């Protein structure tokens, strides 16, 4: 007899919040506000998307991860990490603070870890959740989280698309969309870089070339070993591949590292009954 695993829904809080904010910020009115001027784009858009997913997926446990306004171990390792990002709009910060109070009132657990990003929290919870017998789905608009996808466990990503569409990505779906497997996402990012995080790749290697190289050589380590046989390589590119190989694990790999011994005890869904 087949037994259906309970579902743990993990939410990439900042990803969902920024999508909600910018969905309204560039409209003529400059975003949603109350009659007294309190910004509400994040609260409205975030809760609408989240409640839609909760109604469709009916998870038995849920956790929402957010970044903290403190440096992470990646900033310590590389001072240029995310250095080119624009300053967070002031009305977004106010809106996000109000959202987190609403989530607390709705008894939806928010999880953070000083020195780590929300993605690290999500990876840690996904790993611990599958170990506890859950199927895991991660709601996010960030392709980096595709690296967490597994079929056997199972772990999948509910990827936010245009116009609030949500597509579920399993192992084969990630490979079809990205051209590489979930296990190759880290090496893919190491080769072609990520401008949004100010992470340089190897000079002359874009996404298409990175996909081709990983399809041929499987991993960055195997690519390094094969460099002497690759035609057209330049000394500069070879050196850069070597540096990317040496630091590949520091920035893009998520989870299995946040410093708590077990999943937070309040991840069970208790219904959306406001606290008194």
Protein backbone atom coordinates (compact mmCIF):
# COMPACT_ATOMS: atom_id res chain seq x y z
CA UNK A 1 0.00 0.00 0.00
CA UNK A 2 1.36 3.41 -1.01
CA UNK A 3 1.64 5.96 1.77
CA UNK A 4 1.57 9.66 0.88
CA UNK A 5 4.23 11.63 2.68
CA UNK A 6 3.21 14.71 4.65
CA UNK A 7 4.15 17.96 2.93
CA UNK A 8 6.51 20.62 4.26
CA UNK A 9 6.09 23.92 2.40
CA UNK A 10 9.09 26.24 2.63
CA UNK A 11 8.78 29.86 1.49
CA UNK A 12 11.56 32.15 0.27
CA UNK A 13 10.29 35.20 2.13
CA UNK A 14 12.38 37.95 0.56
CA UNK A 15 11.92 36.57 -2.96
CA UNK A 16 8.14 36.61 -2.57
CA UNK A 17 8.19 40.01 -0.84
CA UNK A 18 10.27 41.73 -3.53
CA UNK A 19 8.08 40.29 -6.28
CA UNK A 20 5.02 41.65 -4.52
CA UNK A 21 6.64 45.06 -4.02
CA UNK A 22 7.77 45.54 -7.61
CA UNK A 23 4.50 44.23 -9.01
CA UNK A 24 2.93 47.46 -7.75
CA UNK A 25 5.85 49.89 -7.37
CA UNK A 26 6.13 50.77 -11.06
CA UNK A 27 2.45 51.39 -11.55
CA UNK A 28 1.22 54.95 -11.93
CA UNK A 29 0.20 55.26 -8.29
CA UNK A 30 3.63 54.07 -7.09
CA UNK A 31 2.41 51.11 -5.07
CA UNK A 32 -0.43 50.25 -2.73
CA UNK A 33 -1.01 52.35 0.39
CA UNK A 34 -3.65 52.82 3.02
CA UNK A 35 -5.64 56.05 3.24
CA UNK A 36 -3.09 57.24 5.82
CA UNK A 37 -0.11 56.47 3.58
CA UNK A 38 1.09 53.15 5.04
CA UNK A 39 2.64 51.04 2.23
CA UNK A 40 0.86 47.71 1.70
CA UNK A 41 2.15 46.32 -1.63
CA UNK A 42 4.28 43.68 0.08
CA UNK A 43 1.61 42.64 2.58
CA UNK A 44 -1.11 42.36 -0.06
CA UNK A 45 0.89 40.65 -2.80
CA UNK A 46 2.78 38.30 -0.48
CA UNK A 47 -0.28 37.09 1.41
CA UNK A 48 -2.35 36.70 -1.75
CA UNK A 49 0.30 34.48 -3.37
CA UNK A 50 0.98 32.54 -0.17
CA UNK A 51 -2.68 31.89 0.64
CA UNK A 52 -3.29 30.70 -2.93
CA UNK A 53 -0.41 28.20 -2.62
CA UNK A 54 -1.48 27.06 0.85
CA UNK A 55 -5.01 26.41 -0.41
CA UNK A 56 -3.74 24.41 -3.38
CA UNK A 57 -0.96 22.43 -1.68
CA UNK A 58 -2.57 21.94 1.80
CA UNK A 59 0.77 21.33 3.57
CA UNK A 60 1.03 19.73 6.99
CA UNK A 61 3.98 21.98 7.93
CA UNK A 62 5.22 25.37 6.75
CA UNK A 63 8.12 27.74 7.39
CA UNK A 64 8.95 31.12 5.89
CA UNK A 65 12.62 32.13 5.70
CA UNK A 66 13.86 35.71 5.56
CA UNK A 67 17.25 37.35 5.25
CA UNK A 68 18.51 39.46 8.13
CA UNK A 69 20.03 42.94 7.79
CA UNK A 70 23.45 41.71 8.92
CA UNK A 71 26.47 40.42 6.94
CA UNK A 72 26.64 36.71 6.17
CA UNK A 73 29.63 34.39 6.00
CA UNK A 74 29.74 35.07 2.24
CA UNK A 75 30.26 38.80 2.85
CA UNK A 76 33.06 37.90 5.26
CA UNK A 77 34.72 35.69 2.64
CA UNK A 78 34.28 38.22 -0.19
CA UNK A 79 33.71 41.92 0.50
CA UNK A 80 32.38 42.43 -3.05
CA UNK A 81 29.53 39.93 -2.62
CA UNK A 82 26.28 41.71 -3.58
CA UNK A 83 28.17 45.01 -3.39
CA UNK A 84 26.48 46.46 -6.48
CA UNK A 85 22.93 46.01 -5.25
CA UNK A 86 20.80 49.11 -4.95
CA UNK A 87 19.76 50.33 -1.53
CA UNK A 88 16.51 48.77 -0.35
CA UNK A 89 13.60 51.23 -0.71
CA UNK A 90 12.46 52.67 2.61
CA UNK A 91 8.79 51.86 1.99
CA UNK A 92 9.70 48.21 1.30
CA UNK A 93 11.36 47.95 4.72
CA UNK A 94 8.29 49.33 6.49
CA UNK A 95 5.99 47.07 4.48
CA UNK A 96 8.16 44.00 5.22
CA UNK A 97 8.13 44.72 8.96
CA UNK A 98 4.33 44.92 8.88
CA UNK A 99 4.19 41.67 6.88
CA UNK A 100 6.24 39.82 9.45
CA UNK A 101 3.89 41.01 12.20
CA UNK A 102 0.95 39.77 10.13
CA UNK A 103 2.61 36.37 9.65
CA UNK A 104 3.10 36.13 13.40
CA UNK A 105 -0.56 36.99 13.93
CA UNK A 106 -1.56 34.32 11.43
CA UNK A 107 0.64 31.81 13.30
CA UNK A 108 2.85 31.16 10.30
CA UNK A 109 6.43 30.54 11.49
CA UNK A 110 9.23 32.84 10.33
CA UNK A 111 12.74 31.34 10.50
CA UNK A 112 16.04 33.26 10.30
CA UNK A 113 19.69 32.54 11.15
CA UNK A 114 22.25 35.32 11.85
CA UNK A 115 25.20 35.10 9.48
CA UNK A 116 23.25 33.07 6.92
CA UNK A 117 20.91 33.86 4.06
CA UNK A 118 17.31 32.78 3.75
CA UNK A 119 18.43 30.35 1.04
CA UNK A 120 20.72 28.64 3.56
CA UNK A 121 17.82 28.38 6.00
CA UNK A 122 15.63 26.87 3.27
CA UNK A 123 18.32 24.35 2.33
CA UNK A 124 18.82 23.35 5.94
CA UNK A 125 15.09 22.94 6.58
CA UNK A 126 14.64 21.01 3.33
CA UNK A 127 17.41 18.61 4.33
CA UNK A 128 16.00 18.17 7.83
CA UNK A 129 12.44 17.92 6.56
CA UNK A 130 13.18 15.12 4.13
CA UNK A 131 15.11 13.36 6.88
CA UNK A 132 11.98 13.52 9.04
CA UNK A 133 9.90 11.88 6.30
CA UNK A 134 8.36 14.93 4.62
CA UNK A 135 7.97 15.67 0.96
CA UNK A 136 9.33 19.21 0.56
CA UNK A 137 8.21 22.00 -1.77
CA UNK A 138 10.03 25.34 -1.84
CA UNK A 139 8.16 28.44 -3.04
CA UNK A 140 10.57 30.94 -4.63
CA UNK A 141 11.32 33.02 -7.70
CA UNK A 142 15.06 32.29 -7.40
CA UNK A 143 16.61 29.78 -9.80
CA UNK A 144 19.52 29.22 -7.40
CA UNK A 145 17.21 27.04 -5.31
CA UNK A 146 16.93 24.55 -8.16
CA UNK A 147 20.09 22.99 -6.71
CA UNK A 148 17.98 21.61 -3.84
CA UNK A 149 15.66 19.62 -6.12
CA UNK A 150 15.69 15.85 -5.68
CA UNK A 151 13.38 13.22 -7.11
CA UNK A 152 13.95 10.33 -4.74
CA UNK A 153 13.23 12.27 -1.52
CA UNK A 154 11.25 14.15 -3.03
CA UNK A 155 12.17 17.85 -2.97
CA UNK A 156 10.77 20.22 -5.61
CA UNK A 157 10.66 23.98 -6.23
CA UNK A 158 7.45 25.89 -6.82
CA UNK A 159 8.95 28.54 -9.10
CA UNK A 160 7.17 31.88 -9.36
CA UNK A 161 6.75 33.02 -12.95
CA UNK A 162 5.08 35.87 -14.78
CA UNK A 163 1.65 37.07 -13.67
CA UNK A 164 1.75 35.07 -10.41
CA UNK A 165 2.06 31.75 -12.23
CA UNK A 166 3.62 28.92 -10.22
CA UNK A 167 5.32 25.99 -11.92
CA UNK A 168 6.56 22.95 -10.04
CA UNK A 169 10.09 21.94 -10.96
CA UNK A 170 11.34 18.44 -10.32
CA UNK A 171 14.69 16.96 -11.40
CA UNK A 172 13.83 16.52 -15.08
CA UNK A 173 12.13 19.93 -15.24
CA UNK A 174 15.26 21.66 -13.92
CA UNK A 175 17.41 19.88 -16.49
CA UNK A 176 15.03 20.89 -19.29
CA UNK A 177 14.90 24.55 -18.22
CA UNK A 178 18.55 25.06 -17.27
CA UNK A 179 20.35 22.53 -19.46
CA UNK A 180 22.12 21.14 -16.37
CA UNK A 181 21.02 18.93 -13.50
CA UNK A 182 20.25 20.27 -10.01
CA UNK A 183 23.59 18.88 -8.80
CA UNK A 184 25.38 20.94 -11.48
CA UNK A 185 23.77 24.29 -10.61
CA UNK A 186 26.63 25.30 -8.30
CA UNK A 187 29.28 24.60 -10.95
CA UNK A 188 27.12 26.32 -13.57
CA UNK A 189 27.02 29.50 -11.46
CA UNK A 190 30.74 29.25 -10.77
CA UNK A 191 31.47 29.18 -14.52
CA UNK A 192 29.13 31.85 -15.85
CA UNK A 193 28.78 33.98 -12.70
CA UNK A 194 25.76 35.83 -11.38
CA UNK A 195 25.62 39.62 -11.94
CA UNK A 196 22.70 40.00 -9.52
CA UNK A 197 25.01 38.93 -6.67
CA UNK A 198 28.11 40.60 -8.15
CA UNK A 199 29.69 37.17 -8.65
CA UNK A 200 32.10 37.05 -11.61
CA UNK A 201 32.33 33.98 -13.79
CA UNK A 202 35.09 32.82 -16.10
CA UNK A 203 35.90 35.36 -18.80
CA UNK A 204 34.34 34.36 -22.11
CA UNK A 205 31.97 31.80 -20.59
CA UNK A 206 28.28 32.62 -20.64
CA UNK A 207 25.32 30.43 -19.78
CA UNK A 208 25.29 28.51 -23.08
CA UNK A 209 29.00 27.71 -22.89
CA UNK A 210 28.74 26.76 -19.22
CA UNK A 211 25.93 24.32 -20.08
CA UNK A 212 27.95 22.82 -22.93
CA UNK A 213 31.05 22.37 -20.76
CA UNK A 214 29.13 20.73 -17.94
CA UNK A 215 27.29 18.43 -20.31
CA UNK A 216 30.67 17.30 -21.62
CA UNK A 217 32.62 17.17 -18.35
CA UNK A 218 29.91 16.80 -15.67
CA UNK A 219 31.66 18.81 -12.93
CA UNK A 220 33.98 21.79 -12.54
CA UNK A 221 36.64 19.49 -11.07
CA UNK A 222 36.51 17.20 -14.11
CA UNK A 223 36.60 20.24 -16.41
CA UNK A 224 39.75 21.42 -14.65
CA UNK A 225 41.38 18.03 -15.19
CA UNK A 226 40.46 18.13 -18.89
CA UNK A 227 41.71 21.68 -19.58
CA UNK A 228 44.98 20.57 -21.21
CA UNK A 229 42.95 18.75 -23.90
CA UNK A 230 40.47 21.59 -24.58
CA UNK A 231 41.29 23.55 -27.72
CA UNK A 232 41.25 27.32 -27.72
CA UNK A 233 41.72 27.73 -24.01
CA UNK A 234 43.59 30.82 -22.80
CA UNK A 235 45.95 30.98 -19.81
CA UNK A 236 43.69 33.59 -18.21
CA UNK A 237 40.61 31.39 -18.57
CA UNK A 238 42.49 28.38 -17.22
CA UNK A 239 43.58 30.33 -14.17
CA UNK A 240 40.05 31.59 -13.60
CA UNK A 241 38.60 28.08 -13.84
CA UNK A 242 41.14 27.03 -11.23
CA UNK A 243 40.11 29.82 -8.87
CA UNK A 244 36.41 29.08 -9.38
CA UNK A 245 37.13 25.41 -8.63
CA UNK A 246 38.84 26.34 -5.38
CA UNK A 247 36.08 28.65 -4.09
CA UNK A 248 33.03 27.03 -5.71
CA UNK A 249 31.59 25.85 -2.41
CA UNK A 250 31.64 29.15 -0.54
CA UNK A 251 28.90 31.16 -2.16
CA UNK A 252 26.22 29.35 -4.11
CA UNK A 253 25.60 26.11 -2.20
CA UNK A 254 22.72 26.36 0.24
CA UNK A 255 21.83 24.56 3.40
CA UNK A 256 23.20 21.79 5.54
CA UNK A 257 25.01 24.43 7.56
CA UNK A 258 22.69 26.60 9.65
CA UNK A 259 23.54 26.23 13.34
CA UNK A 260 20.52 24.66 14.94
CA UNK A 261 20.37 21.02 16.00
CA UNK A 262 16.86 20.23 14.80
CA UNK A 263 14.00 21.82 12.82
CA UNK A 264 12.26 24.65 14.68
CA UNK A 265 9.42 23.12 16.69
CA UNK A 266 6.71 25.45 15.42
CA UNK A 267 6.58 24.50 11.72
CA UNK A 268 3.34 22.52 11.96
CA UNK A 269 0.33 24.13 10.33
CA UNK A 270 -2.12 25.14 13.02
CA UNK A 271 -4.63 26.88 10.80
CA UNK A 272 -4.90 30.56 10.02
CA UNK A 273 -6.54 31.52 13.28
CA UNK A 274 -5.30 34.92 14.47
CA UNK A 275 -3.59 34.97 17.85
CA UNK A 276 -5.31 36.91 20.58
